[in-house]
Amino acid sequence: MTQRLSIRPSKELRTHYAQISAEAKQNPVAITVNGREDIVILEHSQYMEQQQRIEELESRLAVYSHLAQAADDVRLGRVQPAQDAFSDILDELKDDDI
């Protein structure tokens, strides 16, 4: 879904806030200062959706990073039988309890 970006000068914020707010509920609105884009206004729910999407993508990236590291470990032979790995983990946990 492509959104159309409206562009409005900053001086209109004070005099046309209601109109700009209504526009922002439909599409993001870029506010300019001296002819250059300065900020973008968007509806709160759109902002929250973007933040949630960013968090989801960051989570996926973290998983992909771990998978890539695991694939490298296998490729380079840095592996051991699962039972040995579990034993090592349990031993470390026992040592931490002391």
PDB file of N, CA and C in Angstrom:
ATOM      1  N   MET A   1       0.843  -1.175   0.000  1.00  0.00           N
ATOM      2  CA  MET A   1       0.000   0.000   0.000  1.00  0.00           C
ATOM      3  C   MET A   1       0.888   1.238   0.000  1.00  0.00           C
ATOM      4  N   THR A   2       0.858   1.983  -1.074  1.00  0.00           N
ATOM      5  CA  THR A   2       1.641   3.203  -1.195  1.00  0.00           C
ATOM      6  C   THR A   2       0.814   4.380  -0.715  1.00  0.00           C
ATOM      7  N   GLN A   3       1.414   5.185   0.142  1.00  0.00           N
ATOM      8  CA  GLN A   3       0.717   6.355   0.641  1.00  0.00           C
ATOM      9  C   GLN A   3       1.233   7.586  -0.069  1.00  0.00           C
ATOM     10  N   ARG A   4       0.327   8.522  -0.280  1.00  0.00           N
ATOM     11  CA  ARG A   4       0.696   9.784  -0.900  1.00  0.00           C
ATOM     12  C   ARG A   4       1.113  10.736   0.213  1.00  0.00           C
ATOM     13  N   LEU A   5       2.247  11.367   0.064  1.00  0.00           N
ATOM     14  CA  LEU A   5       2.770  12.289   1.065  1.00  0.00           C
ATOM     15  C   LEU A   5       2.358  13.708   0.704  1.00  0.00           C
ATOM     16  N   SER A   6       1.609  14.348   1.603  1.00  0.00           N
ATOM     17  CA  SER A   6       1.254  15.761   1.421  1.00  0.00           C
ATOM     18  C   SER A   6       2.396  16.609   1.943  1.00  0.00           C
ATOM     19  N   ILE A   7       2.601  17.751   1.344  1.00  0.00           N
ATOM     20  CA  ILE A   7       3.659  18.656   1.783  1.00  0.00           C
ATOM     21  C   ILE A   7       3.031  19.992   2.137  1.00  0.00           C
ATOM     22  N   ARG A   8       3.304  20.461   3.355  1.00  0.00           N
ATOM     23  CA  ARG A   8       2.717  21.712   3.842  1.00  0.00           C
ATOM     24  C   ARG A   8       3.798  22.538   4.523  1.00  0.00           C
ATOM     25  N   PRO A   9       3.768  23.855   4.356  1.00  0.00           N
ATOM     26  CA  PRO A   9       4.735  24.704   5.051  1.00  0.00           C
ATOM     27  C   PRO A   9       4.421  24.788   6.545  1.00  0.00           C
ATOM     28  N   SER A  10       5.452  24.960   7.359  1.00  0.00           N
ATOM     29  CA  SER A  10       5.277  24.979   8.808  1.00  0.00           C
ATOM     30  C   SER A  10       4.362  26.098   9.280  1.00  0.00           C
ATOM     31  N   LYS A  11       4.315  27.197   8.564  1.00  0.00           N
ATOM     32  CA  LYS A  11       3.474  28.320   8.995  1.00  0.00           C
ATOM     33  C   LYS A  11       1.991  27.942   9.004  1.00  0.00           C
ATOM     34  N   GLU A  12       1.604  26.906   8.268  1.00  0.00           N
ATOM     35  CA  GLU A  12       0.213  26.478   8.234  1.00  0.00           C
ATOM     36  C   GLU A  12      -0.184  25.652   9.456  1.00  0.00           C
ATOM     37  N   LEU A  13       0.780  25.184  10.218  1.00  0.00           N
ATOM     38  CA  LEU A  13       0.448  24.373  11.391  1.00  0.00           C
ATOM     39  C   LEU A  13      -0.461  25.124  12.358  1.00  0.00           C
ATOM     40  N   ARG A  14      -0.156  26.376  12.597  1.00  0.00           N
ATOM     41  CA  ARG A  14      -0.920  27.156  13.560  1.00  0.00           C
ATOM     42  C   ARG A  14      -2.310  27.510  13.027  1.00  0.00           C
ATOM     43  N   THR A  15      -2.384  27.901  11.771  1.00  0.00           N
ATOM     44  CA  THR A  15      -3.649  28.391  11.226  1.00  0.00           C
ATOM     45  C   THR A  15      -4.535  27.309  10.620  1.00  0.00           C
ATOM     46  N   HIS A  16      -3.937  26.191  10.222  1.00  0.00           N
ATOM     47  CA  HIS A  16      -4.705  25.132   9.554  1.00  0.00           C
ATOM     48  C   HIS A  16      -4.495  23.773  10.219  1.00  0.00           C
ATOM     49  N   TYR A  17      -4.311  23.778  11.529  1.00  0.00           N
ATOM     50  CA  TYR A  17      -4.023  22.517  12.224  1.00  0.00           C
ATOM     51  C   TYR A  17      -5.099  21.462  11.978  1.00  0.00           C
ATOM     52  N   ALA A  18      -6.352  21.826  12.105  1.00  0.00           N
ATOM     53  CA  ALA A  18      -7.438  20.848  11.945  1.00  0.00           C
ATOM     54  C   ALA A  18      -7.390  20.194  10.567  1.00  0.00           C
ATOM     55  N   GLN A  19      -7.137  20.990   9.548  1.00  0.00           N
ATOM     56  CA  GLN A  19      -7.067  20.457   8.182  1.00  0.00           C
ATOM     57  C   GLN A  19      -5.853  19.531   8.028  1.00  0.00           C
ATOM     58  N   ILE A  20      -4.713  19.964   8.569  1.00  0.00           N
ATOM     59  CA  ILE A  20      -3.498  19.138   8.481  1.00  0.00           C
ATOM     60  C   ILE A  20      -3.691  17.842   9.259  1.00  0.00           C
ATOM     61  N   SER A  21      -4.315  17.932  10.435  1.00  0.00           N
ATOM     62  CA  SER A  21      -4.598  16.734  11.228  1.00  0.00           C
ATOM     63  C   SER A  21      -5.480  15.765  10.451  1.00  0.00           C
ATOM     64  N   ALA A  22      -6.510  16.292   9.800  1.00  0.00           N
ATOM     65  CA  ALA A  22      -7.404  15.447   9.002  1.00  0.00           C
ATOM     66  C   ALA A  22      -6.646  14.794   7.846  1.00  0.00           C
ATOM     67  N   GLU A  23      -5.768  15.557   7.205  1.00  0.00           N
ATOM     68  CA  GLU A  23      -4.946  15.001   6.117  1.00  0.00           C
ATOM     69  C   GLU A  23      -4.052  13.884   6.636  1.00  0.00           C
ATOM     70  N   ALA A  24      -3.460  14.109   7.817  1.00  0.00           N
ATOM     71  CA  ALA A  24      -2.526  13.131   8.382  1.00  0.00           C
ATOM     72  C   ALA A  24      -3.224  11.823   8.739  1.00  0.00           C
ATOM     73  N   LYS A  25      -4.517  11.884   8.988  1.00  0.00           N
ATOM     74  CA  LYS A  25      -5.263  10.660   9.280  1.00  0.00           C
ATOM     75  C   LYS A  25      -5.427   9.809   8.019  1.00  0.00           C
ATOM     76  N   GLN A  26      -5.297  10.420   6.848  1.00  0.00           N
ATOM     77  CA  GLN A  26      -5.403   9.702   5.580  1.00  0.00           C
ATOM     78  C   GLN A  26      -4.034   9.302   5.039  1.00  0.00           C
ATOM     79  N   ASN A  27      -3.105  10.257   5.049  1.00  0.00           N
ATOM     80  CA  ASN A  27      -1.758  10.056   4.516  1.00  0.00           C
ATOM     81  C   ASN A  27      -0.789  10.897   5.341  1.00  0.00           C
ATOM     82  N   PRO A  28       0.470  10.476   5.432  1.00  0.00           N
ATOM     83  CA  PRO A  28       1.450  11.298   6.140  1.00  0.00           C
ATOM     84  C   PRO A  28       1.568  12.691   5.518  1.00  0.00           C
ATOM     85  N   VAL A  29       1.886  13.665   6.348  1.00  0.00           N
ATOM     86  CA  VAL A  29       2.036  15.046   5.891  1.00  0.00           C
ATOM     87  C   VAL A  29       3.452  15.506   6.242  1.00  0.00           C
ATOM     88  N   ALA A  30       4.203  15.922   5.231  1.00  0.00           N
ATOM     89  CA  ALA A  30       5.536  16.470   5.458  1.00  0.00           C
ATOM     90  C   ALA A  30       5.397  17.965   5.710  1.00  0.00           C
ATOM     91  N   ILE A  31       6.032  18.433   6.767  1.00  0.00           N
ATOM     92  CA  ILE A  31       6.021  19.849   7.098  1.00  0.00           C
ATOM     93  C   ILE A  31       7.383  20.415   6.690  1.00  0.00           C
ATOM     94  N   THR A  32       7.342  21.505   5.963  1.00  0.00           N
ATOM     95  CA  THR A  32       8.580  22.110   5.482  1.00  0.00           C
ATOM     96  C   THR A  32       8.917  23.370   6.268  1.00  0.00           C
ATOM     97  N   VAL A  33      10.206  23.625   6.355  1.00  0.00           N
ATOM     98  CA  VAL A  33      10.725  24.869   6.931  1.00  0.00           C
ATOM     99  C   VAL A  33      11.693  25.426   5.897  1.00  0.00           C
ATOM    100  N   ASN A  34      11.434  26.637   5.484  1.00  0.00           N
ATOM    101  CA  ASN A  34      12.252  27.272   4.448  1.00  0.00           C
ATOM    102  C   ASN A  34      12.341  26.413   3.190  1.00  0.00           C
ATOM    103  N   GLY A  35      11.234  25.771   2.838  1.00  0.00           N
ATOM    104  CA  GLY A  35      11.174  24.994   1.610  1.00  0.00           C
ATOM    105  C   GLY A  35      11.770  23.606   1.684  1.00  0.00           C
ATOM    106  N   ARG A  36      12.276  23.210   2.843  1.00  0.00           N
ATOM    107  CA  ARG A  36      12.877  21.874   2.986  1.00  0.00           C
ATOM    108  C   ARG A  36      12.056  21.051   3.970  1.00  0.00           C
ATOM    109  N   GLU A  37      11.888  19.781   3.641  1.00  0.00           N
ATOM    110  CA  GLU A  37      11.132  18.909   4.535  1.00  0.00           C
ATOM    111  C   GLU A  37      11.833  18.820   5.880  1.00  0.00           C
ATOM    112  N   ASP A  38      11.044  18.999   6.946  1.00  0.00           N
ATOM    113  CA  ASP A  38      11.598  19.027   8.300  1.00  0.00           C
ATOM    114  C   ASP A  38      11.089  17.862   9.138  1.00  0.00           C
ATOM    115  N   ILE A  39       9.776  17.675   9.190  1.00  0.00           N
ATOM    116  CA  ILE A  39       9.181  16.596   9.959  1.00  0.00           C
ATOM    117  C   ILE A  39       8.046  15.981   9.151  1.00  0.00           C
ATOM    118  N   VAL A  40       7.606  14.816   9.602  1.00  0.00           N
ATOM    119  CA  VAL A  40       6.457  14.161   8.975  1.00  0.00           C
ATOM    120  C   VAL A  40       5.449  13.862  10.073  1.00  0.00           C
ATOM    121  N   ILE A  41       4.206  14.197   9.804  1.00  0.00           N
ATOM    122  CA  ILE A  41       3.123  13.948  10.746  1.00  0.00           C
ATOM    123  C   ILE A  41       2.296  12.797  10.197  1.00  0.00           C
ATOM    124  N   LEU A  42       1.999  11.823  11.072  1.00  0.00           N
ATOM    125  CA  LEU A  42       1.119  10.752  10.667  1.00  0.00           C
ATOM    126  C   LEU A  42       0.228  10.373  11.833  1.00  0.00           C
ATOM    127  N   GLU A  43      -0.842   9.704  11.519  1.00  0.00           N
ATOM    128  CA  GLU A  43      -1.806   9.298  12.534  1.00  0.00           C
ATOM    129  C   GLU A  43      -1.120   8.374  13.541  1.00  0.00           C
ATOM    130  N   HIS A  44      -1.526   8.498  14.793  1.00  0.00           N
ATOM    131  CA  HIS A  44      -0.902   7.728  15.863  1.00  0.00           C
ATOM    132  C   HIS A  44      -0.951   6.230  15.589  1.00  0.00           C
ATOM    133  N   SER A  45      -2.069   5.719  15.120  1.00  0.00           N
ATOM    134  CA  SER A  45      -2.159   4.280  14.854  1.00  0.00           C
ATOM    135  C   SER A  45      -1.183   3.855  13.754  1.00  0.00           C
ATOM    136  N   GLN A  46      -0.963   4.716  12.759  1.00  0.00           N
ATOM    137  CA  GLN A  46       0.017   4.404  11.714  1.00  0.00           C
ATOM    138  C   GLN A  46       1.423   4.355  12.305  1.00  0.00           C
ATOM    139  N   TYR A  47       1.709   5.304  13.185  1.00  0.00           N
ATOM    140  CA  TYR A  47       3.018   5.324  13.846  1.00  0.00           C
ATOM    141  C   TYR A  47       3.219   4.040  14.651  1.00  0.00           C
ATOM    142  N   MET A  48       2.208   3.652  15.424  1.00  0.00           N
ATOM    143  CA  MET A  48       2.317   2.453  16.251  1.00  0.00           C
ATOM    144  C   MET A  48       2.476   1.203  15.384  1.00  0.00           C
ATOM    145  N   GLU A  49       1.768   1.146  14.266  1.00  0.00           N
ATOM    146  CA  GLU A  49       1.916   0.020  13.342  1.00  0.00           C
ATOM    147  C   GLU A  49       3.338  -0.052  12.802  1.00  0.00           C
ATOM    148  N   GLN A  50       3.898   1.106  12.455  1.00  0.00           N
ATOM    149  CA  GLN A  50       5.277   1.137  11.959  1.00  0.00           C
ATOM    150  C   GLN A  50       6.245   0.659  13.025  1.00  0.00           C
ATOM    151  N   GLN A  51       6.053   1.110  14.261  1.00  0.00           N
ATOM    152  CA  GLN A  51       6.936   0.697  15.341  1.00  0.00           C
ATOM    153  C   GLN A  51       6.846  -0.805  15.585  1.00  0.00           C
ATOM    154  N   GLN A  52       5.627  -1.347  15.534  1.00  0.00           N
ATOM    155  CA  GLN A  52       5.452  -2.785  15.719  1.00  0.00           C
ATOM    156  C   GLN A  52       6.130  -3.554  14.590  1.00  0.00           C
ATOM    157  N   ARG A  53       5.985  -3.069  13.375  1.00  0.00           N
ATOM    158  CA  ARG A  53       6.615  -3.725  12.219  1.00  0.00           C
ATOM    159  C   ARG A  53       8.135  -3.703  12.351  1.00  0.00           C
ATOM    160  N   ILE A  54       8.679  -2.574  12.807  1.00  0.00           N
ATOM    161  CA  ILE A  54      10.131  -2.471  13.016  1.00  0.00           C
ATOM    162  C   ILE A  54      10.582  -3.488  14.052  1.00  0.00           C
ATOM    163  N   GLU A  55       9.836  -3.596  15.159  1.00  0.00           N
ATOM    164  CA  GLU A  55      10.183  -4.568  16.197  1.00  0.00           C
ATOM    165  C   GLU A  55      10.138  -5.997  15.660  1.00  0.00           C
ATOM    166  N   GLU A  56       9.123  -6.308  14.854  1.00  0.00           N
ATOM    167  CA  GLU A  56       9.024  -7.636  14.254  1.00  0.00           C
ATOM    168  C   GLU A  56      10.219  -7.912  13.344  1.00  0.00           C
ATOM    169  N   LEU A  57      10.587  -6.931  12.530  1.00  0.00           N
ATOM    170  CA  LEU A  57      11.723  -7.112  11.625  1.00  0.00           C
ATOM    171  C   LEU A  57      13.029  -7.264  12.400  1.00  0.00           C
ATOM    172  N   GLU A  58      13.181  -6.510  13.484  1.00  0.00           N
ATOM    173  CA  GLU A  58      14.382  -6.641  14.311  1.00  0.00           C
ATOM    174  C   GLU A  58      14.450  -8.023  14.949  1.00  0.00           C
ATOM    175  N   SER A  59      13.312  -8.541  15.376  1.00  0.00           N
ATOM    176  CA  SER A  59      13.270  -9.885  15.959  1.00  0.00           C
ATOM    177  C   SER A  59      13.652 -10.933  14.922  1.00  0.00           C
ATOM    178  N   ARG A  60      13.106 -10.789  13.724  1.00  0.00           N
ATOM    179  CA  ARG A  60      13.461 -11.728  12.649  1.00  0.00           C
ATOM    180  C   ARG A  60      14.948 -11.652  12.336  1.00  0.00           C
ATOM    181  N   LEU A  61      15.473 -10.437  12.292  1.00  0.00           N
ATOM    182  CA  LEU A  61      16.893 -10.269  11.997  1.00  0.00           C
ATOM    183  C   LEU A  61      17.747 -10.963  13.049  1.00  0.00           C
ATOM    184  N   ALA A  62      17.350 -10.874  14.315  1.00  0.00           N
ATOM    185  CA  ALA A  62      18.093 -11.540  15.381  1.00  0.00           C
ATOM    186  C   ALA A  62      18.061 -13.053  15.189  1.00  0.00           C
ATOM    187  N   VAL A  63      16.896 -13.598  14.826  1.00  0.00           N
ATOM    188  CA  VAL A  63      16.791 -15.037  14.584  1.00  0.00           C
ATOM    189  C   VAL A  63      17.667 -15.438  13.396  1.00  0.00           C
ATOM    190  N   TYR A  64      17.593 -14.665  12.308  1.00  0.00           N
ATOM    191  CA  TYR A  64      18.411 -14.973  11.133  1.00  0.00           C
ATOM    192  C   TYR A  64      19.904 -14.918  11.465  1.00  0.00           C
ATOM    193  N   SER A  65      20.285 -13.985  12.311  1.00  0.00           N
ATOM    194  CA  SER A  65      21.685 -13.881  12.717  1.00  0.00           C
ATOM    195  C   SER A  65      22.124 -15.140  13.467  1.00  0.00           C
ATOM    196  N   HIS A  66      21.263 -15.613  14.381  1.00  0.00           N
ATOM    197  CA  HIS A  66      21.585 -16.842  15.123  1.00  0.00           C
ATOM    198  C   HIS A  66      21.640 -18.050  14.184  1.00  0.00           C
ATOM    199  N   LEU A  67      20.726 -18.093  13.225  1.00  0.00           N
ATOM    200  CA  LEU A  67      20.740 -19.202  12.270  1.00  0.00           C
ATOM    201  C   LEU A  67      21.995 -19.173  11.406  1.00  0.00           C
ATOM    202  N   ALA A  68      22.403 -17.992  10.999  1.00  0.00           N
ATOM    203  CA  ALA A  68      23.634 -17.869  10.200  1.00  0.00           C
ATOM    204  C   ALA A  68      24.849 -18.315  11.012  1.00  0.00           C
ATOM    205  N   GLN A  69      24.884 -17.941  12.289  1.00  0.00           N
ATOM    206  CA  GLN A  69      25.990 -18.361  13.156  1.00  0.00           C
ATOM    207  C   GLN A  69      25.982 -19.876  13.315  1.00  0.00           C
ATOM    208  N   ALA A  70      24.787 -20.448  13.485  1.00  0.00           N
ATOM    209  CA  ALA A  70      24.686 -21.902  13.623  1.00  0.00           C
ATOM    210  C   ALA A  70      25.147 -22.602  12.345  1.00  0.00           C
ATOM    211  N   ALA A  71      24.759 -22.059  11.204  1.00  0.00           N
ATOM    212  CA  ALA A  71      25.185 -22.651   9.929  1.00  0.00           C
ATOM    213  C   ALA A  71      26.707 -22.579   9.793  1.00  0.00           C
ATOM    214  N   ASP A  72      27.301 -21.469  10.210  1.00  0.00           N
ATOM    215  CA  ASP A  72      28.765 -21.355  10.182  1.00  0.00           C
ATOM    216  C   ASP A  72      29.401 -22.384  11.106  1.00  0.00           C
ATOM    217  N   ASP A  73      28.824 -22.561  12.292  1.00  0.00           N
ATOM    218  CA  ASP A  73      29.366 -23.544  13.239  1.00  0.00           C
ATOM    219  C   ASP A  73      29.354 -24.940  12.627  1.00  0.00           C
ATOM    220  N   VAL A  74      28.253 -25.296  11.981  1.00  0.00           N
ATOM    221  CA  VAL A  74      28.167 -26.616  11.353  1.00  0.00           C
ATOM    222  C   VAL A  74      29.178 -26.723  10.222  1.00  0.00           C
ATOM    223  N   ARG A  75      29.242 -25.689   9.392  1.00  0.00           N
ATOM    224  CA  ARG A  75      30.163 -25.710   8.247  1.00  0.00           C
ATOM    225  C   ARG A  75      31.612 -25.836   8.709  1.00  0.00           C
ATOM    226  N   LEU A  76      31.957 -25.207   9.822  1.00  0.00           N
ATOM    227  CA  LEU A  76      33.334 -25.221  10.319  1.00  0.00           C
ATOM    228  C   LEU A  76      33.607 -26.367  11.297  1.00  0.00           C
ATOM    229  N   GLY A  77      32.600 -27.215  11.502  1.00  0.00           N
ATOM    230  CA  GLY A  77      32.799 -28.381  12.354  1.00  0.00           C
ATOM    231  C   GLY A  77      32.765 -28.074  13.851  1.00  0.00           C
ATOM    232  N   ARG A  78      32.249 -26.934  14.218  1.00  0.00           N
ATOM    233  CA  ARG A  78      32.155 -26.592  15.649  1.00  0.00           C
ATOM    234  C   ARG A  78      30.843 -27.142  16.194  1.00  0.00           C
ATOM    235  N   VAL A  79      30.782 -28.468  16.269  1.00  0.00           N
ATOM    236  CA  VAL A  79      29.572 -29.149  16.721  1.00  0.00           C
ATOM    237  C   VAL A  79      29.941 -30.232  17.722  1.00  0.00           C
ATOM    238  N   GLN A  80      28.952 -30.676  18.472  1.00  0.00           N
ATOM    239  CA  GLN A  80      29.134 -31.802  19.381  1.00  0.00           C
ATOM    240  C   GLN A  80      27.791 -32.502  19.527  1.00  0.00           C
ATOM    241  N   PRO A  81      27.791 -33.728  19.973  1.00  0.00           N
ATOM    242  CA  PRO A  81      26.525 -34.424  20.163  1.00  0.00           C
ATOM    243  C   PRO A  81      25.640 -33.670  21.166  1.00  0.00           C
ATOM    244  N   ALA A  82      24.345 -33.728  20.942  1.00  0.00           N
ATOM    245  CA  ALA A  82      23.395 -32.998  21.790  1.00  0.00           C
ATOM    246  C   ALA A  82      23.525 -33.405  23.245  1.00  0.00           C
ATOM    247  N   GLN A  83      23.697 -34.699  23.507  1.00  0.00           N
ATOM    248  CA  GLN A  83      23.796 -35.161  24.893  1.00  0.00           C
ATOM    249  C   GLN A  83      24.994 -34.515  25.599  1.00  0.00           C
ATOM    250  N   ASP A  84      26.115 -34.368  24.876  1.00  0.00           N
ATOM    251  CA  ASP A  84      27.286 -33.714  25.471  1.00  0.00           C
ATOM    252  C   ASP A  84      26.997 -32.240  25.757  1.00  0.00           C
ATOM    253  N   ALA A  85      26.300 -31.589  24.839  1.00  0.00           N
ATOM    254  CA  ALA A  85      25.971 -30.174  25.039  1.00  0.00           C
ATOM    255  C   ALA A  85      25.059 -30.011  26.251  1.00  0.00           C
ATOM    256  N   PHE A  86      24.051 -30.884  26.378  1.00  0.00           N
ATOM    257  CA  PHE A  86      23.145 -30.804  27.536  1.00  0.00           C
ATOM    258  C   PHE A  86      23.895 -31.066  28.843  1.00  0.00           C
ATOM    259  N   SER A  87      24.808 -32.021  28.812  1.00  0.00           N
ATOM    260  CA  SER A  87      25.599 -32.312  30.017  1.00  0.00           C
ATOM    261  C   SER A  87      26.434 -31.101  30.418  1.00  0.00           C
ATOM    262  N   ASP A  88      27.050 -30.454  29.422  1.00  0.00           N
ATOM    263  CA  ASP A  88      27.860 -29.250  29.704  1.00  0.00           C
ATOM    264  C   ASP A  88      26.996 -28.152  30.318  1.00  0.00           C
ATOM    265  N   ILE A  89      25.805 -27.959  29.773  1.00  0.00           N
ATOM    266  CA  ILE A  89      24.900 -26.926  30.290  1.00  0.00           C
ATOM    267  C   ILE A  89      24.496 -27.240  31.718  1.00  0.00           C
ATOM    268  N   LEU A  90      24.124 -28.494  31.969  1.00  0.00           N
ATOM    269  CA  LEU A  90      23.723 -28.887  33.326  1.00  0.00           C
ATOM    270  C   LEU A  90      24.880 -28.731  34.307  1.00  0.00           C
ATOM    271  N   ASP A  91      26.093 -29.072  33.884  1.00  0.00           N
ATOM    272  CA  ASP A  91      27.268 -28.895  34.745  1.00  0.00           C
ATOM    273  C   ASP A  91      27.484 -27.429  35.077  1.00  0.00           C
ATOM    274  N   GLU A  92      27.325 -26.560  34.084  1.00  0.00           N
ATOM    275  CA  GLU A  92      27.485 -25.123  34.329  1.00  0.00           C
ATOM    276  C   GLU A  92      26.426 -24.612  35.287  1.00  0.00           C
ATOM    277  N   LEU A  93      25.210 -25.117  35.148  1.00  0.00           N
ATOM    278  CA  LEU A  93      24.141 -24.701  36.048  1.00  0.00           C
ATOM    279  C   LEU A  93      24.411 -25.162  37.480  1.00  0.00           C
ATOM    280  N   LYS A  94      24.934 -26.354  37.627  1.00  0.00           N
ATOM    281  CA  LYS A  94      25.279 -26.856  38.958  1.00  0.00           C
ATOM    282  C   LYS A  94      26.378 -26.028  39.591  1.00  0.00           C
ATOM    283  N   ASP A  95      27.372 -25.645  38.783  1.00  0.00           N
ATOM    284  CA  ASP A  95      28.480 -24.839  39.286  1.00  0.00           C
ATOM    285  C   ASP A  95      27.998 -23.448  39.722  1.00  0.00           C
ATOM    286  N   ASP A  96      26.996 -22.904  39.024  1.00  0.00           N
ATOM    287  CA  ASP A  96      26.451 -21.574  39.349  1.00  0.00           C
ATOM    288  C   ASP A  96      25.681 -21.604  40.656  1.00  0.00           C
ATOM    289  N   ASP A  97      25.102 -22.768  41.012  1.00  0.00           N
ATOM    290  CA  ASP A  97      24.296 -22.868  42.231  1.00  0.00           C
ATOM    291  C   ASP A  97      25.157 -22.864  43.491  1.00  0.00           C
ATOM    292  N   ILE A  98      26.405 -23.177  43.351  1.00  0.00           N
ATOM    293  CA  ILE A  98      27.283 -23.268  44.530  1.00  0.00           C
ATOM    294  C   ILE A  98      27.644 -21.915  45.055  1.00  0.00           C
TER     295      ILE A  98
END
